[in-house]
Amino acid sequence: MALNGIKGIMSILFPLITFPYVSRILGRSNIGRYNFSLSIINYFILLSGLGINAYAIREGAQIRDNRRKFERFASEMYSINFGATIISYILLGILLLIIPKFQGYMSLLIILSLQIGLKTIGIEWLYAIYEDYAYIMFRSIFFQLLSLILLFTLVRSESDVNLYAVVTVMSASGCNILNLLHAKKYCKIRLTKNIEWKRHMRPILLLFAMTVTVTIYASSDITLLGFLCNDITVGIYTVSTKVYSIIKTLLSAILTVSIPRLSALIGEKKKDEFNTVAEDIYKTLLTFVLPVIVGIIVLRKEIVLILSGQEYIGAASSLVLLSIALFFCMGAWYWGQCILVPVKKEATVFKVTVVSASVNIVLNLVMIPIWEENAAALTTIIAEGISFLCCYLQGRRYVEIQKIKIILIKIMTGCIPIFILYIFVNHYFILPMVINTALIISVSIILYFVVEILMKNEVIWDIISRRKTIQ
C-alpha cells in the first residue's frame, strides 16, 4: 500500500512540476489544442480498454495461484483487449477522415493515439493482480524522470507542441513495452481464439458502461469547449481543471482508504460500527474540504498566476466555480462509493451517474456558446449537485450523520480567519507573490487548526489524541 501511495503522490507531483513550465512555453492556444486532442483520444483509449482492467483484476486475483488456469485467463483478457484496440483504431481513423474539425489537430491526434496501443500491451491489470507495486512504482518514476529531462530539453517554444505530445506519451505509456516483456515472470500471454465469450463479455461490458458514463461525465467539458469555442478557451479552462483534479485526487485519498473497511463492516453485519465509522469519515471530509475550497476562492488569482502566468488570468473565475463543485463532487463520492457501493447499491450509483452526465452534456451544449469556460464550470456544479443530492437521499437510509449542523458551524468559523489574513497580508506586506501566497497558506493552516481546537472540533481532537498515542 505504501508503494502504491508513493506512485499516487508522484502522479500528482509530476503535473505540478511540468504544467507551470509547459503552460508558459506553449501558450494558451497550444495548451488548448493539446488538451482538446487528448480529450478525444481518451475516448478511444476507453473503448480499447472496455471494462477489462477492473474485471481482470477481480477475477484473476482468485486464480492467480493456478498457473495453467491463470495463463488461459490472461491470454483471453489480452486477446479481447487487443481486438477492442483494433476496432478503436479503425473507428478513430474513420472519424479523422470525416470530421473537418480534426484536420487542424491531425498530428497531435496521431501522436497521442499511440497511447491506445501502448495501453493495451501494458497489461497493468497483471501487476495489480500479483500486487507487484515495487515494479510499478520504480518503472513509473524512471519514465517520469526521463520525460521530465526530455521536456526541459526539447520543449523550448510554442512550435514544440508536438514534441510535448511525444514526451507525455512516453511519460504515460512508454513503460508499457517493458510491461509486456516483464510479464513472463508471471505467465505466458498470447493471442488466442479460444475465448469464453458468454462468461466474460457481460460483466466486461457492464463495467465498460459504468466507466464510459464516468469518463463522459468528467471529460465532456473540454471536448465540447473544443468543438463549440476555440483553443484559447480550452487552454484557459485547462488551468482550472488541472487545479481541480489535483485537489480532488488529494482529498479523495480520505475516502479511498476507507472503502475496504466500510465494505468489511457491512460484510460482517456490524451496522452500528459501520454507521460510526461512516459518520467519522464524513465529518473528516468536511473538516478538510471546506477550508480548501475557501482557500482556493481567496487565492484564485495567485494560484493561476503562479501555475500558468498572466496570460491565463481569465481562469480565475472558472476556478472559483470548480472549487464550489468540489464540495458536491466529494459529497457525491462519499455517499456513492463509501455508502451505496458497500451496501451493494452499485446500480443506483450507475443510474445517478448517467443522469448527472446527461444533464452535464445537455447544459454544456446550451450554455457553452454563451459563457464559454465559465459555463463548463457552472454545469459541473449543477451536475455534481444533482449527483450529490441523489446519492445523499439514497445513502441516508443506511447512515445517519449526527450533529452535522454543529460541526459545519465550527468548520466555517475556522475558515473566517483565512479571509481576514488574506486582506491583512495584502494590505500591510509588500512581498513577492510566491512568498506572499506561501505565507498566507501556511499561516491560514495554523489559524484554522487553532480555531478548530478551540471550537472543539472532534475530528481535530481525534487526530491530536492519535498522535499522542503513537508517541
Protein backbone atom coordinates (compact mmCIF):
# COMPACT_ATOMS: atom_id res chain seq x y z
CA MET A 1 0.00 0.00 0.00
CA ALA A 2 2.88 2.36 0.83
CA LEU A 3 4.48 1.80 -2.59
CA ASN A 4 1.17 2.34 -4.35
CA GLY A 5 0.76 5.52 -2.31
CA ILE A 6 4.17 6.80 -3.44
CA LYS A 7 3.16 6.16 -7.05
CA GLY A 8 -0.01 8.17 -6.45
CA ILE A 9 1.96 11.06 -4.94
CA MET A 10 4.31 11.07 -7.93
CA SER A 11 1.35 11.23 -10.31
CA ILE A 12 0.31 14.43 -8.51
CA LEU A 13 3.78 15.98 -8.22
CA PHE A 14 4.68 15.39 -11.88
CA PRO A 15 1.99 17.71 -13.34
CA LEU A 16 2.71 20.27 -10.62
CA ILE A 17 6.29 20.44 -11.87
CA THR A 18 5.63 20.25 -15.60
CA PHE A 19 2.42 22.25 -16.08
CA PRO A 20 3.74 25.68 -14.97
CA TYR A 21 6.62 25.32 -17.43
CA VAL A 22 4.56 23.96 -20.32
CA SER A 23 1.70 26.44 -19.97
CA ARG A 24 4.14 29.36 -20.23
CA ILE A 25 6.20 27.91 -23.09
CA LEU A 26 3.35 26.67 -25.30
CA GLY A 27 0.82 29.41 -24.57
CA ARG A 28 -2.96 29.27 -24.22
CA SER A 29 -3.73 28.26 -27.79
CA ASN A 30 -1.35 25.31 -27.95
CA ILE A 31 -2.29 24.11 -24.47
CA GLY A 32 -5.87 24.21 -25.67
CA ARG A 33 -5.04 22.29 -28.85
CA TYR A 34 -3.18 19.64 -26.88
CA ASN A 35 -5.90 19.14 -24.26
CA PHE A 36 -8.71 19.05 -26.80
CA SER A 37 -6.80 16.39 -28.76
CA LEU A 38 -6.13 14.42 -25.57
CA SER A 39 -9.79 14.54 -24.59
CA ILE A 40 -10.67 12.97 -27.96
CA ILE A 41 -8.04 10.23 -27.70
CA ASN A 42 -9.14 9.39 -24.16
CA TYR A 43 -12.48 8.16 -25.53
CA PHE A 44 -10.67 5.72 -27.81
CA ILE A 45 -8.38 4.57 -25.00
CA LEU A 46 -11.56 3.89 -23.07
CA LEU A 47 -13.08 1.95 -25.97
CA SER A 48 -9.98 -0.19 -26.42
CA GLY A 49 -9.86 -0.98 -22.72
CA LEU A 50 -13.55 -1.90 -22.39
CA GLY A 51 -14.05 -2.90 -18.75
CA ILE A 52 -11.20 -5.38 -18.88
CA ASN A 53 -8.92 -3.81 -16.27
CA ALA A 54 -11.43 -3.96 -13.40
CA TYR A 55 -12.81 -7.34 -14.49
CA ALA A 56 -9.38 -8.94 -14.94
CA ILE A 57 -8.21 -7.79 -11.51
CA ARG A 58 -11.38 -9.03 -9.82
CA GLU A 59 -11.46 -12.45 -11.50
CA GLY A 60 -7.73 -13.00 -11.97
CA ALA A 61 -6.91 -12.48 -8.30
CA GLN A 62 -8.99 -15.54 -7.45
CA ILE A 63 -7.00 -17.91 -9.70
CA ARG A 64 -3.51 -16.37 -9.70
CA ASP A 65 -2.02 -19.35 -7.82
CA ASN A 66 -3.16 -21.77 -10.52
CA ARG A 67 -0.55 -21.14 -13.25
CA ARG A 68 -2.24 -23.08 -16.05
CA LYS A 69 -5.70 -21.68 -15.38
CA PHE A 70 -4.38 -18.15 -14.98
CA GLU A 71 -2.36 -18.24 -18.21
CA ARG A 72 -5.50 -19.17 -20.13
CA PHE A 73 -7.49 -16.41 -18.44
CA ALA A 74 -4.74 -13.80 -19.01
CA SER A 75 -4.48 -14.72 -22.70
CA GLU A 76 -8.24 -14.36 -23.07
CA MET A 77 -8.21 -10.91 -21.47
CA TYR A 78 -5.27 -9.80 -23.62
CA SER A 79 -6.95 -11.08 -26.80
CA ILE A 80 -10.25 -9.32 -26.06
CA ASN A 81 -8.30 -6.14 -25.27
CA PHE A 82 -6.29 -6.48 -28.49
CA GLY A 83 -9.43 -6.91 -30.59
CA ALA A 84 -11.05 -3.87 -28.99
CA THR A 85 -7.88 -1.88 -29.70
CA ILE A 86 -8.05 -2.73 -33.42
CA ILE A 87 -11.70 -1.63 -33.51
CA SER A 88 -10.77 1.56 -31.66
CA TYR A 89 -8.04 2.45 -34.19
CA ILE A 90 -10.35 1.73 -37.15
CA LEU A 91 -13.07 3.96 -35.71
CA LEU A 92 -10.55 6.72 -34.94
CA GLY A 93 -9.20 6.53 -38.50
CA ILE A 94 -12.69 6.91 -39.95
CA LEU A 95 -13.51 9.90 -37.75
CA LEU A 96 -10.20 11.59 -38.59
CA LEU A 97 -11.19 11.43 -42.26
CA ILE A 98 -14.82 12.53 -41.99
CA ILE A 99 -14.82 15.19 -39.24
CA PRO A 100 -13.48 18.51 -40.57
CA LYS A 101 -12.65 19.81 -37.07
CA PHE A 102 -9.99 17.11 -36.66
CA GLN A 103 -7.98 18.21 -39.71
CA GLY A 104 -6.27 21.00 -37.77
CA TYR A 105 -5.34 18.60 -34.97
CA MET A 106 -4.22 15.64 -37.10
CA SER A 107 -0.58 15.44 -35.98
CA LEU A 108 -1.45 15.75 -32.30
CA LEU A 109 -4.22 13.16 -32.56
CA ILE A 110 -1.93 10.68 -34.31
CA ILE A 111 0.88 11.11 -31.78
CA LEU A 112 -1.44 10.85 -28.78
CA SER A 113 -3.20 7.84 -30.31
CA LEU A 114 -0.04 5.82 -29.67
CA GLN A 115 -1.33 5.58 -26.09
CA ILE A 116 -4.19 3.36 -27.27
CA GLY A 117 -1.92 0.51 -28.36
CA LEU A 118 0.63 1.08 -25.62
CA LYS A 119 -2.12 0.90 -23.00
CA THR A 120 -3.16 -2.50 -24.33
CA ILE A 121 0.30 -4.07 -24.29
CA GLY A 122 0.91 -2.56 -20.85
CA ILE A 123 -1.39 -5.17 -19.19
CA GLU A 124 -1.43 -3.15 -15.97
CA TRP A 125 -4.06 -5.49 -14.53
CA LEU A 126 -1.50 -8.31 -14.40
CA TYR A 127 0.74 -6.38 -12.00
CA ALA A 128 -2.23 -5.31 -9.89
CA ILE A 129 -3.30 -8.97 -9.56
CA TYR A 130 0.13 -10.00 -8.29
CA GLU A 131 0.48 -6.77 -6.29
CA ASP A 132 3.86 -6.01 -7.86
CA TYR A 133 3.77 -2.43 -6.68
CA ALA A 134 7.54 -2.12 -6.39
CA TYR A 135 7.99 -2.75 -10.11
CA ILE A 136 5.11 -0.42 -10.99
CA MET A 137 6.47 2.37 -8.81
CA PHE A 138 10.12 2.27 -9.88
CA ARG A 139 9.21 1.84 -13.53
CA SER A 140 6.80 4.81 -13.40
CA ILE A 141 9.25 7.06 -11.57
CA PHE A 142 12.03 6.24 -14.04
CA PHE A 143 9.93 7.16 -17.08
CA GLN A 144 8.57 10.27 -15.38
CA LEU A 145 12.09 11.48 -14.63
CA LEU A 146 13.19 10.66 -18.19
CA SER A 147 10.19 12.55 -19.55
CA LEU A 148 11.00 15.49 -17.28
CA ILE A 149 14.52 15.70 -18.70
CA LEU A 150 13.23 15.46 -22.28
CA LEU A 151 10.55 18.07 -21.58
CA PHE A 152 13.01 20.73 -20.42
CA THR A 153 15.45 19.77 -23.18
CA LEU A 154 13.14 19.55 -26.20
CA VAL A 155 10.12 21.76 -25.48
CA ARG A 156 11.52 25.27 -25.76
CA SER A 157 9.00 27.26 -27.85
CA GLU A 158 5.34 27.45 -28.90
CA SER A 159 6.07 25.38 -32.01
CA ASP A 160 7.12 22.38 -29.89
CA VAL A 161 3.58 21.25 -29.03
CA ASN A 162 4.04 18.00 -30.99
CA LEU A 163 7.26 17.29 -29.10
CA TYR A 164 5.35 17.88 -25.87
CA ALA A 165 2.80 15.30 -27.01
CA VAL A 166 5.60 12.78 -27.64
CA VAL A 167 7.03 13.42 -24.18
CA THR A 168 3.64 12.96 -22.49
CA VAL A 169 3.05 9.72 -24.38
CA MET A 170 6.40 8.47 -23.12
CA SER A 171 5.57 9.54 -19.58
CA ALA A 172 2.12 7.92 -19.58
CA SER A 173 2.69 4.80 -21.66
CA GLY A 174 6.36 4.38 -22.60
CA CYS A 175 6.95 1.85 -19.85
CA ASN A 176 4.21 -0.42 -21.18
CA ILE A 177 6.60 -2.07 -23.65
CA LEU A 178 8.66 -3.19 -20.67
CA ASN A 179 5.49 -4.46 -19.03
CA LEU A 180 4.86 -6.96 -21.79
CA LEU A 181 8.41 -8.29 -21.56
CA HIS A 182 8.36 -8.40 -17.77
CA ALA A 183 5.06 -10.31 -17.79
CA LYS A 184 6.97 -13.56 -18.42
CA LYS A 185 7.80 -13.54 -14.72
CA TYR A 186 4.19 -14.47 -14.00
CA CYS A 187 2.81 -16.20 -17.07
CA LYS A 188 2.98 -16.56 -20.85
CA ILE A 189 0.45 -14.32 -22.54
CA ARG A 190 -0.51 -14.98 -26.14
CA LEU A 191 -3.30 -14.12 -28.54
CA THR A 192 -5.98 -16.82 -28.60
CA LYS A 193 -9.25 -17.56 -30.38
CA ASN A 194 -10.47 -19.83 -27.59
CA ILE A 195 -12.35 -17.29 -25.52
CA GLU A 196 -15.28 -17.94 -23.18
CA TRP A 197 -17.32 -15.09 -24.61
CA LYS A 198 -20.51 -15.81 -22.66
CA ARG A 199 -18.66 -15.87 -19.37
CA HIS A 200 -16.57 -12.74 -19.86
CA MET A 201 -18.40 -10.27 -22.08
CA ARG A 202 -21.46 -9.50 -19.98
CA PRO A 203 -19.55 -8.33 -16.86
CA ILE A 204 -16.88 -6.66 -19.01
CA LEU A 205 -19.47 -4.64 -20.91
CA LEU A 206 -21.31 -3.73 -17.72
CA LEU A 207 -18.10 -2.37 -16.20
CA PHE A 208 -17.38 -0.65 -19.53
CA ALA A 209 -20.77 1.07 -19.47
CA MET A 210 -20.09 2.40 -15.98
CA THR A 211 -16.62 3.60 -16.97
CA VAL A 212 -17.93 5.26 -20.14
CA THR A 213 -20.50 7.19 -18.13
CA VAL A 214 -17.94 8.42 -15.62
CA THR A 215 -15.45 9.36 -18.37
CA ILE A 216 -18.01 11.28 -20.41
CA TYR A 217 -19.11 12.97 -17.21
CA ALA A 218 -15.53 14.02 -16.45
CA SER A 219 -14.22 14.83 -19.95
CA SER A 220 -17.16 16.20 -21.93
CA ASP A 221 -16.48 19.79 -20.79
CA ILE A 222 -13.13 20.11 -22.59
CA THR A 223 -14.35 18.17 -25.64
CA LEU A 224 -17.40 20.40 -26.09
CA LEU A 225 -15.36 23.56 -25.42
CA GLY A 226 -13.05 22.47 -28.23
CA PHE A 227 -15.92 21.97 -30.66
CA LEU A 228 -18.04 24.98 -29.66
CA CYS A 229 -15.36 27.58 -28.81
CA ASN A 230 -11.64 27.82 -29.60
CA ASP A 231 -8.24 26.61 -28.46
CA ILE A 232 -7.62 29.64 -26.23
CA THR A 233 -10.80 28.97 -24.27
CA VAL A 234 -9.79 25.33 -23.80
CA GLY A 235 -6.32 26.45 -22.71
CA ILE A 236 -7.76 28.78 -20.06
CA TYR A 237 -10.18 26.16 -18.77
CA THR A 238 -7.37 23.59 -18.61
CA VAL A 239 -5.70 25.58 -15.84
CA SER A 240 -8.86 25.46 -13.73
CA THR A 241 -9.43 21.75 -14.32
CA LYS A 242 -5.78 20.97 -13.55
CA VAL A 243 -6.08 22.55 -10.09
CA TYR A 244 -9.50 20.95 -9.60
CA SER A 245 -8.29 17.45 -10.47
CA ILE A 246 -5.16 17.66 -8.28
CA ILE A 247 -7.11 18.84 -5.24
CA LYS A 248 -9.80 16.24 -5.87
CA THR A 249 -7.16 13.50 -6.05
CA LEU A 250 -5.63 14.58 -2.76
CA LEU A 251 -8.96 14.82 -0.94
CA SER A 252 -10.29 11.57 -2.36
CA ALA A 253 -7.49 9.74 -0.53
CA ILE A 254 -9.55 10.23 2.65
CA LEU A 255 -12.35 8.23 1.06
CA THR A 256 -10.39 5.68 -0.96
CA VAL A 257 -8.60 4.21 2.05
CA SER A 258 -11.92 3.92 3.92
CA ILE A 259 -13.91 1.90 1.38
CA PRO A 260 -12.38 -1.54 2.19
CA ARG A 261 -13.03 -1.06 5.91
CA LEU A 262 -16.64 0.00 5.36
CA SER A 263 -17.20 -2.93 2.99
CA ALA A 264 -15.76 -5.32 5.58
CA LEU A 265 -18.05 -3.97 8.33
CA ILE A 266 -21.09 -4.43 6.10
CA GLY A 267 -19.93 -7.96 5.25
CA GLU A 268 -19.61 -8.73 8.97
CA LYS A 269 -23.07 -7.21 9.56
CA LYS A 270 -21.74 -4.68 12.07
CA LYS A 271 -24.25 -1.97 11.21
CA ASP A 272 -23.69 0.19 14.29
CA GLU A 273 -19.93 0.22 13.79
CA PHE A 274 -20.46 0.89 10.07
CA ASN A 275 -22.57 3.94 10.94
CA THR A 276 -19.97 5.21 13.43
CA VAL A 277 -17.05 4.85 11.01
CA ALA A 278 -19.05 6.34 8.12
CA GLU A 279 -20.03 9.32 10.27
CA ASP A 280 -16.40 9.93 11.31
CA ILE A 281 -15.26 9.79 7.67
CA TYR A 282 -17.90 12.30 6.55
CA LYS A 283 -17.02 14.77 9.30
CA THR A 284 -13.31 14.36 8.49
CA LEU A 285 -14.02 15.02 4.83
CA LEU A 286 -15.94 18.21 5.61
CA THR A 287 -13.22 19.38 8.02
CA PHE A 288 -10.65 19.34 5.22
CA VAL A 289 -12.74 20.06 2.11
CA LEU A 290 -14.36 23.31 3.21
CA PRO A 291 -11.16 25.21 4.17
CA VAL A 292 -9.54 24.05 0.92
CA ILE A 293 -12.49 25.48 -1.04
CA VAL A 294 -12.26 28.77 0.86
CA GLY A 295 -8.51 28.88 0.27
CA ILE A 296 -8.93 28.37 -3.48
CA ILE A 297 -11.57 31.10 -3.68
CA VAL A 298 -9.41 33.58 -1.74
CA LEU A 299 -6.18 32.78 -3.64
CA ARG A 300 -7.74 32.14 -7.07
CA LYS A 301 -5.71 34.79 -8.91
CA GLU A 302 -2.44 33.92 -7.19
CA ILE A 303 -2.93 30.22 -7.97
CA VAL A 304 -3.49 30.93 -11.66
CA LEU A 305 -0.58 33.36 -11.90
CA ILE A 306 1.87 31.05 -10.13
CA LEU A 307 0.73 27.97 -12.04
CA SER A 308 0.47 29.45 -15.52
CA GLY A 309 1.12 33.19 -15.67
CA GLN A 310 -0.73 36.41 -16.53
CA GLU A 311 -1.86 35.05 -19.91
CA TYR A 312 -4.24 32.65 -18.14
CA ILE A 313 -5.71 35.05 -15.55
CA GLY A 314 -9.15 34.51 -17.10
CA ALA A 315 -9.12 31.05 -15.49
CA ALA A 316 -9.66 32.62 -12.05
CA SER A 317 -13.45 32.80 -12.44
CA SER A 318 -13.89 29.21 -13.62
CA LEU A 319 -11.54 28.09 -10.83
CA VAL A 320 -13.89 29.63 -8.25
CA LEU A 321 -16.83 27.78 -9.77
CA LEU A 322 -14.96 24.47 -9.87
CA SER A 323 -13.90 24.91 -6.24
CA ILE A 324 -17.60 25.10 -5.33
CA ALA A 325 -18.21 21.99 -7.43
CA LEU A 326 -15.55 20.29 -5.31
CA PHE A 327 -17.92 20.29 -2.33
CA PHE A 328 -20.66 18.48 -4.24
CA CYS A 329 -18.19 16.18 -6.00
CA MET A 330 -16.65 14.91 -2.76
CA GLY A 331 -20.07 14.62 -1.15
CA ALA A 332 -21.37 12.55 -4.06
CA TRP A 333 -18.26 10.38 -3.93
CA TYR A 334 -18.75 9.79 -0.22
CA TRP A 335 -22.43 8.84 -0.40
CA GLY A 336 -21.92 6.86 -3.60
CA GLN A 337 -18.63 5.00 -3.18
CA CYS A 338 -18.37 4.81 0.63
CA ILE A 339 -22.02 4.12 1.45
CA LEU A 340 -24.05 2.86 -1.52
CA VAL A 341 -21.37 0.64 -3.11
CA PRO A 342 -20.54 -1.26 0.12
CA VAL A 343 -24.27 -1.95 0.66
CA LYS A 344 -24.39 -3.30 -2.91
CA LYS A 345 -26.33 -0.45 -4.49
CA GLU A 346 -23.96 -0.07 -7.45
CA ALA A 347 -26.93 0.05 -9.82
CA THR A 348 -28.24 3.13 -8.03
CA VAL A 349 -24.85 4.86 -8.33
CA PHE A 350 -24.72 3.98 -12.02
CA LYS A 351 -28.20 5.44 -12.66
CA VAL A 352 -27.31 8.62 -10.80
CA THR A 353 -24.09 8.97 -12.81
CA VAL A 354 -25.99 8.51 -16.08
CA VAL A 355 -28.50 11.21 -15.13
CA SER A 356 -25.77 13.63 -14.00
CA ALA A 357 -23.69 13.03 -17.11
CA SER A 358 -26.70 13.59 -19.37
CA VAL A 359 -27.60 16.84 -17.61
CA ASN A 360 -23.98 17.98 -17.84
CA ILE A 361 -23.79 17.38 -21.59
CA VAL A 362 -27.15 18.99 -22.38
CA LEU A 363 -26.41 22.08 -20.29
CA ASN A 364 -22.94 22.36 -21.84
CA LEU A 365 -24.41 22.34 -25.34
CA VAL A 366 -26.80 25.14 -24.38
CA MET A 367 -24.56 27.30 -22.17
CA ILE A 368 -21.00 26.98 -23.51
CA PRO A 369 -21.68 29.05 -26.68
CA ILE A 370 -22.79 31.88 -24.36
CA TRP A 371 -20.46 31.80 -21.34
CA GLU A 372 -17.64 29.58 -22.63
CA GLU A 373 -15.33 28.15 -19.90
CA ASN A 374 -17.43 29.62 -17.08
CA ALA A 375 -20.42 27.74 -18.46
CA ALA A 376 -18.44 24.49 -18.41
CA ALA A 377 -17.57 25.09 -14.75
CA LEU A 378 -21.14 26.09 -13.86
CA THR A 379 -22.62 22.98 -15.45
CA THR A 380 -20.13 20.93 -13.42
CA ILE A 381 -21.58 22.46 -10.23
CA ILE A 382 -25.12 21.60 -11.36
CA ALA A 383 -24.24 18.05 -12.41
CA GLU A 384 -22.22 17.35 -9.26
CA GLY A 385 -25.02 18.88 -7.18
CA ILE A 386 -27.57 16.52 -8.71
CA SER A 387 -25.27 13.56 -8.12
CA PHE A 388 -24.69 14.60 -4.52
CA LEU A 389 -28.38 15.12 -3.78
CA CYS A 390 -29.46 11.80 -5.31
CA CYS A 391 -26.71 9.79 -3.59
CA TYR A 392 -27.41 11.55 -0.28
CA LEU A 393 -31.13 10.82 -0.41
CA GLN A 394 -30.40 7.14 -1.05
CA GLY A 395 -27.41 6.90 1.28
CA ARG A 396 -29.06 8.38 4.37
CA ARG A 397 -31.21 5.25 4.55
CA TYR A 398 -28.08 3.41 5.67
CA VAL A 399 -26.13 6.09 7.57
CA GLU A 400 -27.30 8.77 9.97
CA ILE A 401 -24.93 11.70 10.49
CA GLN A 402 -25.37 13.21 13.96
CA LYS A 403 -24.88 16.91 14.81
CA ILE A 404 -23.87 17.83 11.25
CA LYS A 405 -25.01 21.45 11.65
CA ILE A 406 -22.82 21.91 14.71
CA ILE A 407 -19.64 20.70 13.01
CA LEU A 408 -20.42 22.81 9.91
CA ILE A 409 -20.63 25.91 12.14
CA LYS A 410 -17.28 25.01 13.72
CA ILE A 411 -15.64 24.50 10.33
CA MET A 412 -16.97 27.72 8.81
CA THR A 413 -15.87 29.64 11.92
CA GLY A 414 -12.37 28.26 11.34
CA CYS A 415 -12.47 29.50 7.74
CA ILE A 416 -13.17 33.13 8.68
CA PRO A 417 -9.51 33.88 9.64
CA ILE A 418 -8.46 32.84 6.10
CA PHE A 419 -10.35 35.81 4.62
CA ILE A 420 -9.08 38.18 7.31
CA LEU A 421 -5.47 37.02 6.92
CA TYR A 422 -5.59 37.47 3.12
CA ILE A 423 -6.79 41.07 3.45
CA PHE A 424 -4.25 41.84 6.21
CA VAL A 425 -1.20 40.38 4.42
CA ASN A 426 -2.01 42.04 1.09
CA HIS A 427 -2.61 45.39 2.77
CA TYR A 428 0.40 45.54 5.09
CA PHE A 429 3.05 43.37 3.41
CA ILE A 430 4.81 44.10 0.13
CA LEU A 431 6.33 40.75 -0.77
CA PRO A 432 6.91 38.75 -3.97
CA MET A 433 3.71 36.95 -4.93
CA VAL A 434 5.06 33.43 -4.35
CA ILE A 435 6.30 34.30 -0.85
CA ASN A 436 3.08 36.19 -0.13
CA THR A 437 0.98 33.19 -1.15
CA ALA A 438 3.12 30.71 0.78
CA LEU A 439 2.82 32.92 3.88
CA ILE A 440 -0.96 33.11 3.60
CA ILE A 441 -1.31 29.34 3.10
CA SER A 442 0.99 28.35 5.97
CA VAL A 443 -0.44 30.82 8.49
CA SER A 444 -4.01 30.01 7.39
CA ILE A 445 -3.44 26.32 8.14
CA ILE A 446 -2.16 27.16 11.63
CA LEU A 447 -5.02 29.57 12.36
CA TYR A 448 -7.61 27.10 11.09
CA PHE A 449 -6.35 24.31 13.33
CA VAL A 450 -6.11 26.64 16.35
CA VAL A 451 -9.72 27.77 15.88
CA GLU A 452 -10.94 24.19 15.39
CA ILE A 453 -9.15 23.12 18.57
CA LEU A 454 -10.75 25.99 20.48
CA MET A 455 -14.14 25.16 18.95
CA LYS A 456 -13.59 21.52 19.99
CA ASN A 457 -13.95 20.03 16.52
CA GLU A 458 -13.97 16.31 17.32
CA VAL A 459 -12.09 15.43 14.12
CA ILE A 460 -9.09 17.61 15.03
CA TRP A 461 -9.13 16.44 18.64
CA ASP A 462 -9.18 12.83 17.44
CA ILE A 463 -6.12 13.48 15.24
CA ILE A 464 -4.28 15.05 18.20
CA SER A 465 -5.15 12.17 20.51
CA ARG A 466 -3.94 9.62 17.98
CA ARG A 467 -0.61 11.41 17.62
CA LYS A 468 -0.18 11.37 21.40
CA THR A 469 -0.96 7.64 21.46
CA ILE A 470 1.64 6.90 18.77
CA GLN A 471 4.28 8.94 20.63
